[in-house]
Amino acid sequence: MKMKNNSVLNEFILLGLSNSWELEIFFFVIFFLAYASILAGNCLIILLVFLDSHLHSTPMYFLLANLSFLDMTLSTVTVPKMIVDFFRERKTISLWGCMAQMFLAHLLGGSEMTLLIVMAIDRYIAICKPLHYMTIMNHGILVGSVLLSWTVGFVHTMSQMVFMVSLPFCGPNVIDDVFCDLPLVLKLACTDTYVLELLVVAFSGLLSLISFILLIISYTVILVTVRRRSPFGLSKALSTLTAHITVVTLFFGPVILIYAWPVSSYSLDKFFSVFYSVITPLLNPIIYSLRNKEMKAAMIRLRNRHISSNPTF
């Protein structure tokens, strides 16, 4: 009878970042400002691409706007609850809320992984085949690529969540992290999860590692190709690709360390979780907007358009 009662588990307890009230207030301010910056930065990129005719017609910025949407949505899945939990002594999340968080995180993560690969292909065509760039990367290809990224993300998350939702949880129910994630939740199941843990490593860890290696190889091929054709164009290509390589490293680094090489230190797990869900979506708009002349020019055009439409007398 006791086993039957224990098997009805309807919530998990998240330990969060700290038990200190002073630190909780500090983290609240930091994460609130970070989330507001994530929304503002990524919305600005989406708005600029949508309103500026030059950016809107350029394939790279169409893909960048979709990347910003994924980053913003990924943060929204985890960060608002983190912020609210800083004021709660008992940080709980329902069983199905936890499942939904994991489903959306892997859906968006898998989609972003695919989109970054598409962006690498876009850069290869733009730099190595500039005369055919607009023909190859036409609107149909772009829309198809975005739909493909969402399809891959859906298949990626369903391949793992279809097994997660059927697992029995009969206690303990404590997750030493800031949000639900597959490796930690799997450890709480009341059954042997060795095969499922291998599945997570295969689908999330090895997939992200292989994708990262392929992306680095593709960027290397681009630089080698440019160097052979025109040594003077290498610095320009390197400047263009630096933002992409930085974003790829920031995205895949924590994912690989979480899933391909899971660490035993819970403090490192939390750091990687925060980095993946907060730092990367925060830095992406900064990397793409502050270092990009076309984005700066679009901001100036948007500002001038606003001033001309609202003259002061």
Protein backbone atom coordinates (compact mmCIF):
# COMPACT_ATOMS: atom_id res chain seq x y z
CA MET A 1 0.00 0.00 0.00
CA LYS A 2 2.90 2.32 0.81
CA MET A 3 4.46 1.65 -2.59
CA LYS A 4 1.21 2.56 -4.27
CA ASN A 5 1.06 5.93 -2.49
CA ASN A 6 4.71 6.68 -3.26
CA SER A 7 4.17 5.93 -6.93
CA VAL A 8 1.76 8.88 -7.26
CA LEU A 9 4.35 11.65 -7.69
CA ASN A 10 2.94 14.89 -9.05
CA GLU A 11 5.74 17.41 -8.50
CA PHE A 12 9.49 17.89 -8.31
CA ILE A 13 11.50 20.19 -6.04
CA LEU A 14 14.15 22.38 -7.66
CA LEU A 15 17.03 23.35 -5.37
CA GLY A 16 17.91 26.41 -7.45
CA LEU A 17 21.16 28.35 -7.22
CA SER A 18 21.37 29.17 -3.52
CA ASN A 19 19.69 28.87 -0.13
CA SER A 20 20.85 32.33 0.97
CA TRP A 21 18.11 35.00 0.90
CA GLU A 22 20.66 37.75 0.14
CA LEU A 23 22.02 35.80 -2.83
CA GLU A 24 18.50 35.02 -4.01
CA ILE A 25 17.74 38.78 -4.18
CA PHE A 26 21.01 39.38 -6.02
CA PHE A 27 20.27 36.60 -8.52
CA PHE A 28 16.74 37.92 -8.99
CA VAL A 29 18.06 41.34 -10.07
CA ILE A 30 20.72 39.82 -12.36
CA PHE A 31 18.38 37.32 -14.02
CA PHE A 32 15.55 39.84 -14.36
CA LEU A 33 17.85 42.31 -16.12
CA ALA A 34 19.34 39.51 -18.23
CA TYR A 35 15.91 38.25 -19.33
CA ALA A 36 14.72 41.79 -20.13
CA SER A 37 17.89 42.25 -22.22
CA ILE A 38 17.29 38.93 -23.99
CA LEU A 39 13.77 39.98 -24.95
CA ALA A 40 14.85 43.48 -25.98
CA GLY A 41 17.92 42.37 -27.97
CA ASN A 42 16.29 39.52 -29.85
CA CYS A 43 13.08 41.47 -30.48
CA LEU A 44 15.20 44.30 -31.89
CA ILE A 45 16.86 41.93 -34.37
CA ILE A 46 13.49 40.45 -35.43
CA LEU A 47 12.02 43.95 -35.76
CA LEU A 48 14.95 45.26 -37.80
CA VAL A 49 14.88 42.31 -40.19
CA PHE A 50 11.11 42.62 -40.60
CA LEU A 51 11.05 46.40 -41.13
CA ASP A 52 14.28 46.99 -43.06
CA SER A 53 13.89 46.04 -46.74
CA HIS A 54 17.59 45.37 -47.21
CA LEU A 55 17.87 43.00 -44.24
CA HIS A 56 14.53 41.38 -45.05
CA SER A 57 15.70 40.44 -48.54
CA THR A 58 19.08 39.06 -47.38
CA PRO A 59 19.03 35.30 -46.58
CA MET A 60 21.50 35.55 -43.70
CA TYR A 61 19.33 38.02 -41.79
CA PHE A 62 16.18 36.01 -42.43
CA LEU A 63 17.93 33.07 -40.75
CA LEU A 64 19.28 35.35 -38.00
CA ALA A 65 15.75 36.55 -37.18
CA ASN A 66 14.65 32.94 -36.79
CA LEU A 67 17.68 32.25 -34.57
CA SER A 68 16.68 35.21 -32.38
CA PHE A 69 13.15 33.84 -32.10
CA LEU A 70 14.49 30.44 -31.00
CA ASP A 71 16.86 32.03 -28.46
CA MET A 72 14.13 34.21 -27.01
CA THR A 73 11.65 31.33 -26.77
CA LEU A 74 14.24 28.98 -25.25
CA SER A 75 14.92 31.48 -22.49
CA THR A 76 11.21 32.00 -21.92
CA VAL A 77 10.78 28.26 -21.28
CA THR A 78 13.13 28.35 -18.27
CA VAL A 79 14.10 31.84 -17.10
CA PRO A 80 10.73 33.31 -15.95
CA LYS A 81 10.19 30.40 -13.57
CA MET A 82 13.77 30.78 -12.33
CA ILE A 83 13.07 34.46 -11.58
CA VAL A 84 9.82 33.71 -9.74
CA ASP A 85 11.45 30.87 -7.75
CA PHE A 86 13.98 33.28 -6.22
CA PHE A 87 11.12 34.49 -3.97
CA ARG A 88 9.97 30.99 -3.06
CA GLU A 89 11.37 28.99 -0.20
CA ARG A 90 9.96 25.80 -1.70
CA LYS A 91 10.69 25.75 -5.43
CA THR A 92 8.39 23.19 -7.01
CA ILE A 93 7.35 22.27 -10.52
CA SER A 94 4.56 19.88 -11.45
CA LEU A 95 5.35 16.55 -13.10
CA TRP A 96 3.78 17.61 -16.39
CA GLY A 97 5.23 21.10 -16.09
CA CYS A 98 8.64 19.44 -15.85
CA MET A 99 7.87 17.25 -18.88
CA ALA A 100 6.71 20.29 -20.86
CA GLN A 101 9.88 22.18 -19.95
CA MET A 102 12.08 19.33 -21.17
CA PHE A 103 10.00 18.84 -24.32
CA LEU A 104 10.20 22.52 -25.31
CA ALA A 105 13.88 22.87 -24.37
CA HIS A 106 14.88 19.97 -26.63
CA LEU A 107 12.48 21.03 -29.38
CA LEU A 108 14.02 24.51 -29.49
CA GLY A 109 17.57 23.23 -28.91
CA GLY A 110 17.32 20.70 -31.75
CA SER A 111 15.82 23.36 -34.02
CA GLU A 112 18.59 25.84 -33.20
CA MET A 113 21.23 23.17 -33.79
CA THR A 114 19.87 22.56 -37.29
CA LEU A 115 19.47 26.27 -38.00
CA LEU A 116 23.12 26.92 -37.11
CA ILE A 117 24.11 24.27 -39.67
CA VAL A 118 21.90 25.98 -42.28
CA MET A 119 23.57 29.31 -41.43
CA ALA A 120 26.99 27.72 -41.98
CA ILE A 121 25.86 26.50 -45.41
CA ASP A 122 24.54 30.00 -46.13
CA ARG A 123 27.94 31.52 -45.30
CA TYR A 124 29.73 28.97 -47.48
CA ILE A 125 27.55 29.81 -50.48
CA ALA A 126 27.78 33.57 -49.84
CA ILE A 127 31.59 33.57 -49.59
CA CYS A 128 32.57 30.79 -51.99
CA LYS A 129 29.79 31.15 -54.60
CA PRO A 130 28.78 34.83 -54.38
CA LEU A 131 27.44 35.09 -57.95
CA HIS A 132 24.94 32.28 -57.34
CA TYR A 133 24.13 33.20 -53.73
CA MET A 134 20.71 34.79 -54.19
CA THR A 135 19.70 32.13 -56.73
CA ILE A 136 20.61 29.21 -54.47
CA MET A 137 19.40 30.75 -51.20
CA ASN A 138 16.01 31.78 -52.58
CA HIS A 139 12.90 32.35 -50.47
CA GLY A 140 11.63 28.80 -50.96
CA ILE A 141 14.92 27.32 -49.75
CA LEU A 142 14.94 29.62 -46.73
CA VAL A 143 11.39 28.76 -45.68
CA GLY A 144 12.10 25.07 -46.28
CA SER A 145 15.27 25.29 -44.16
CA VAL A 146 13.39 26.87 -41.26
CA LEU A 147 10.64 24.24 -41.47
CA LEU A 148 13.34 21.54 -41.59
CA SER A 149 14.95 22.92 -38.44
CA TRP A 150 11.62 22.75 -36.58
CA THR A 151 10.99 19.23 -37.90
CA VAL A 152 14.41 18.05 -36.72
CA GLY A 153 13.79 19.67 -33.34
CA PHE A 154 10.42 17.92 -33.03
CA VAL A 155 11.87 14.52 -33.98
CA HIS A 156 14.79 15.12 -31.62
CA THR A 157 12.62 15.88 -28.60
CA MET A 158 9.97 13.23 -29.34
CA SER A 159 12.60 10.50 -29.68
CA GLN A 160 13.45 11.08 -26.01
CA MET A 161 10.24 12.36 -24.45
CA VAL A 162 8.16 9.43 -25.73
CA PHE A 163 10.07 7.27 -23.23
CA MET A 164 10.23 9.89 -20.46
CA VAL A 165 6.47 10.35 -20.09
CA SER A 166 5.97 6.64 -19.42
CA LEU A 167 8.59 6.41 -16.64
CA PRO A 168 7.34 5.79 -13.08
CA PHE A 169 8.42 8.34 -10.43
CA CYS A 170 7.95 7.21 -6.85
CA GLY A 171 10.50 9.39 -5.04
CA PRO A 172 12.88 11.01 -4.34
CA ASN A 173 11.73 14.10 -6.19
CA VAL A 174 14.57 16.61 -5.65
CA ILE A 175 16.34 18.06 -8.72
CA ASP A 176 19.57 19.88 -7.89
CA ASP A 177 19.30 22.37 -10.72
CA VAL A 178 17.44 25.51 -11.78
CA PHE A 179 15.09 23.76 -14.22
CA CYS A 180 14.16 20.27 -15.37
CA ASP A 181 16.54 18.49 -17.70
CA LEU A 182 16.68 14.93 -18.95
CA PRO A 183 19.87 13.59 -17.26
CA LEU A 184 18.82 14.71 -13.76
CA VAL A 185 15.15 13.73 -14.07
CA LEU A 186 16.11 10.29 -15.40
CA LYS A 187 18.01 9.60 -12.18
CA LEU A 188 14.77 10.01 -10.20
CA ALA A 189 12.84 7.31 -12.06
CA CYS A 190 11.94 4.18 -10.09
CA THR A 191 13.27 1.84 -12.75
CA ASP A 192 16.48 0.98 -14.56
CA THR A 193 17.20 3.89 -16.91
CA TYR A 194 20.61 2.80 -18.21
CA VAL A 195 19.36 2.33 -21.78
CA LEU A 196 17.52 5.64 -21.71
CA GLU A 197 20.62 7.41 -20.41
CA LEU A 198 22.57 6.00 -23.35
CA LEU A 199 19.78 7.20 -25.64
CA VAL A 200 20.07 10.72 -24.22
CA VAL A 201 23.84 10.68 -24.72
CA ALA A 202 23.37 9.46 -28.29
CA PHE A 203 20.59 11.85 -29.29
CA SER A 204 21.72 14.96 -27.43
CA GLY A 205 25.40 14.51 -26.60
CA LEU A 206 26.86 12.81 -29.65
CA LEU A 207 24.52 14.61 -32.05
CA SER A 208 25.61 18.00 -30.72
CA LEU A 209 29.28 16.95 -30.69
CA ILE A 210 29.16 15.69 -34.29
CA SER A 211 27.26 18.79 -35.43
CA PHE A 212 29.80 21.05 -33.72
CA ILE A 213 32.73 19.25 -35.36
CA LEU A 214 31.05 19.44 -38.79
CA LEU A 215 30.40 23.16 -38.32
CA ILE A 216 33.99 23.89 -37.35
CA ILE A 217 35.19 21.85 -40.37
CA SER A 218 32.81 23.75 -42.68
CA TYR A 219 34.06 27.13 -41.44
CA THR A 220 37.65 25.94 -41.84
CA VAL A 221 36.90 24.87 -45.42
CA ILE A 222 35.44 28.32 -46.11
CA LEU A 223 38.57 30.07 -44.81
CA VAL A 224 40.92 27.75 -46.71
CA THR A 225 38.92 28.23 -49.93
CA VAL A 226 38.98 32.03 -49.56
CA ARG A 227 42.71 32.01 -48.78
CA ARG A 228 43.47 30.02 -51.92
CA ARG A 229 41.35 32.25 -54.15
CA SER A 230 42.28 35.62 -52.69
CA PRO A 231 44.64 36.07 -49.73
CA PHE A 232 43.37 39.65 -49.37
CA GLY A 233 39.81 38.40 -48.83
CA LEU A 234 40.81 36.22 -45.89
CA SER A 235 40.61 39.02 -43.31
CA LYS A 236 37.14 40.02 -44.53
CA ALA A 237 35.92 36.40 -44.49
CA LEU A 238 37.41 35.89 -41.04
CA SER A 239 35.66 39.02 -39.78
CA THR A 240 32.35 37.78 -41.22
CA LEU A 241 32.70 34.29 -39.77
CA THR A 242 33.94 35.32 -36.32
CA ALA A 243 30.41 36.07 -35.11
CA HIS A 244 29.11 32.75 -36.44
CA ILE A 245 31.96 30.72 -34.93
CA THR A 246 31.49 32.49 -31.57
CA VAL A 247 27.75 31.77 -31.52
CA VAL A 248 28.30 28.13 -32.50
CA THR A 249 30.87 27.68 -29.72
CA LEU A 250 28.65 29.37 -27.11
CA PHE A 251 25.67 27.20 -28.07
CA PHE A 252 27.34 23.81 -28.47
CA GLY A 253 29.92 24.09 -25.67
CA PRO A 254 27.51 23.80 -22.71
CA VAL A 255 25.28 21.29 -24.56
CA ILE A 256 28.21 18.95 -25.25
CA LEU A 257 29.44 19.21 -21.66
CA ILE A 258 25.95 18.54 -20.24
CA TYR A 259 25.03 15.58 -22.48
CA ALA A 260 28.16 14.11 -24.06
CA TRP A 261 30.39 14.36 -20.99
CA PRO A 262 28.05 14.67 -17.98
CA VAL A 263 29.99 15.98 -14.98
CA SER A 264 29.46 14.80 -11.43
CA SER A 265 29.59 18.31 -9.95
CA TYR A 266 26.09 19.77 -9.54
CA SER A 267 27.53 23.29 -9.36
CA LEU A 268 28.98 22.84 -12.85
CA ASP A 269 25.66 21.40 -14.07
CA LYS A 270 23.92 24.54 -12.84
CA PHE A 271 26.53 26.79 -14.44
CA PHE A 272 26.13 25.07 -17.82
CA SER A 273 22.33 25.20 -17.50
CA VAL A 274 22.41 28.94 -16.82
CA PHE A 275 24.95 29.52 -19.59
CA TYR A 276 22.83 27.58 -22.10
CA SER A 277 19.51 29.23 -21.21
CA VAL A 278 20.60 32.75 -20.25
CA ILE A 279 24.12 33.73 -21.30
CA THR A 280 24.03 32.43 -24.89
CA PRO A 281 20.65 34.02 -25.81
CA LEU A 282 21.89 37.24 -24.17
CA LEU A 283 25.19 37.35 -26.07
CA ASN A 284 23.88 36.38 -29.53
CA PRO A 285 22.15 39.73 -30.22
CA ILE A 286 25.21 41.60 -28.96
CA ILE A 287 27.57 39.58 -31.16
CA TYR A 288 25.44 39.97 -34.28
CA SER A 289 24.29 43.58 -33.83
CA LEU A 290 27.22 45.44 -32.29
CA ARG A 291 29.82 43.87 -34.61
CA ASN A 292 27.71 44.01 -37.76
CA LYS A 293 27.82 47.14 -39.93
CA GLU A 294 24.59 46.30 -41.76
CA MET A 295 22.67 45.87 -38.50
CA LYS A 296 24.04 49.20 -37.26
CA ALA A 297 23.05 50.85 -40.53
CA ALA A 298 19.55 49.36 -40.25
CA MET A 299 19.22 50.77 -36.72
CA ILE A 300 20.19 54.23 -38.02
CA ARG A 301 17.71 53.96 -40.91
CA LEU A 302 14.94 52.90 -38.52
CA ARG A 303 15.75 55.76 -36.16
CA ASN A 304 15.84 58.31 -39.00
CA ARG A 305 12.55 56.98 -40.35
CA HIS A 306 10.99 57.37 -36.91
CA ILE A 307 12.34 60.93 -36.57
CA SER A 308 11.15 61.96 -40.05
CA SER A 309 7.66 60.56 -39.37
CA ASN A 310 7.45 62.38 -36.02
CA PRO A 311 8.98 65.83 -36.63
CA THR A 312 9.35 68.18 -33.68
CA PHE A 313 8.31 71.77 -34.03
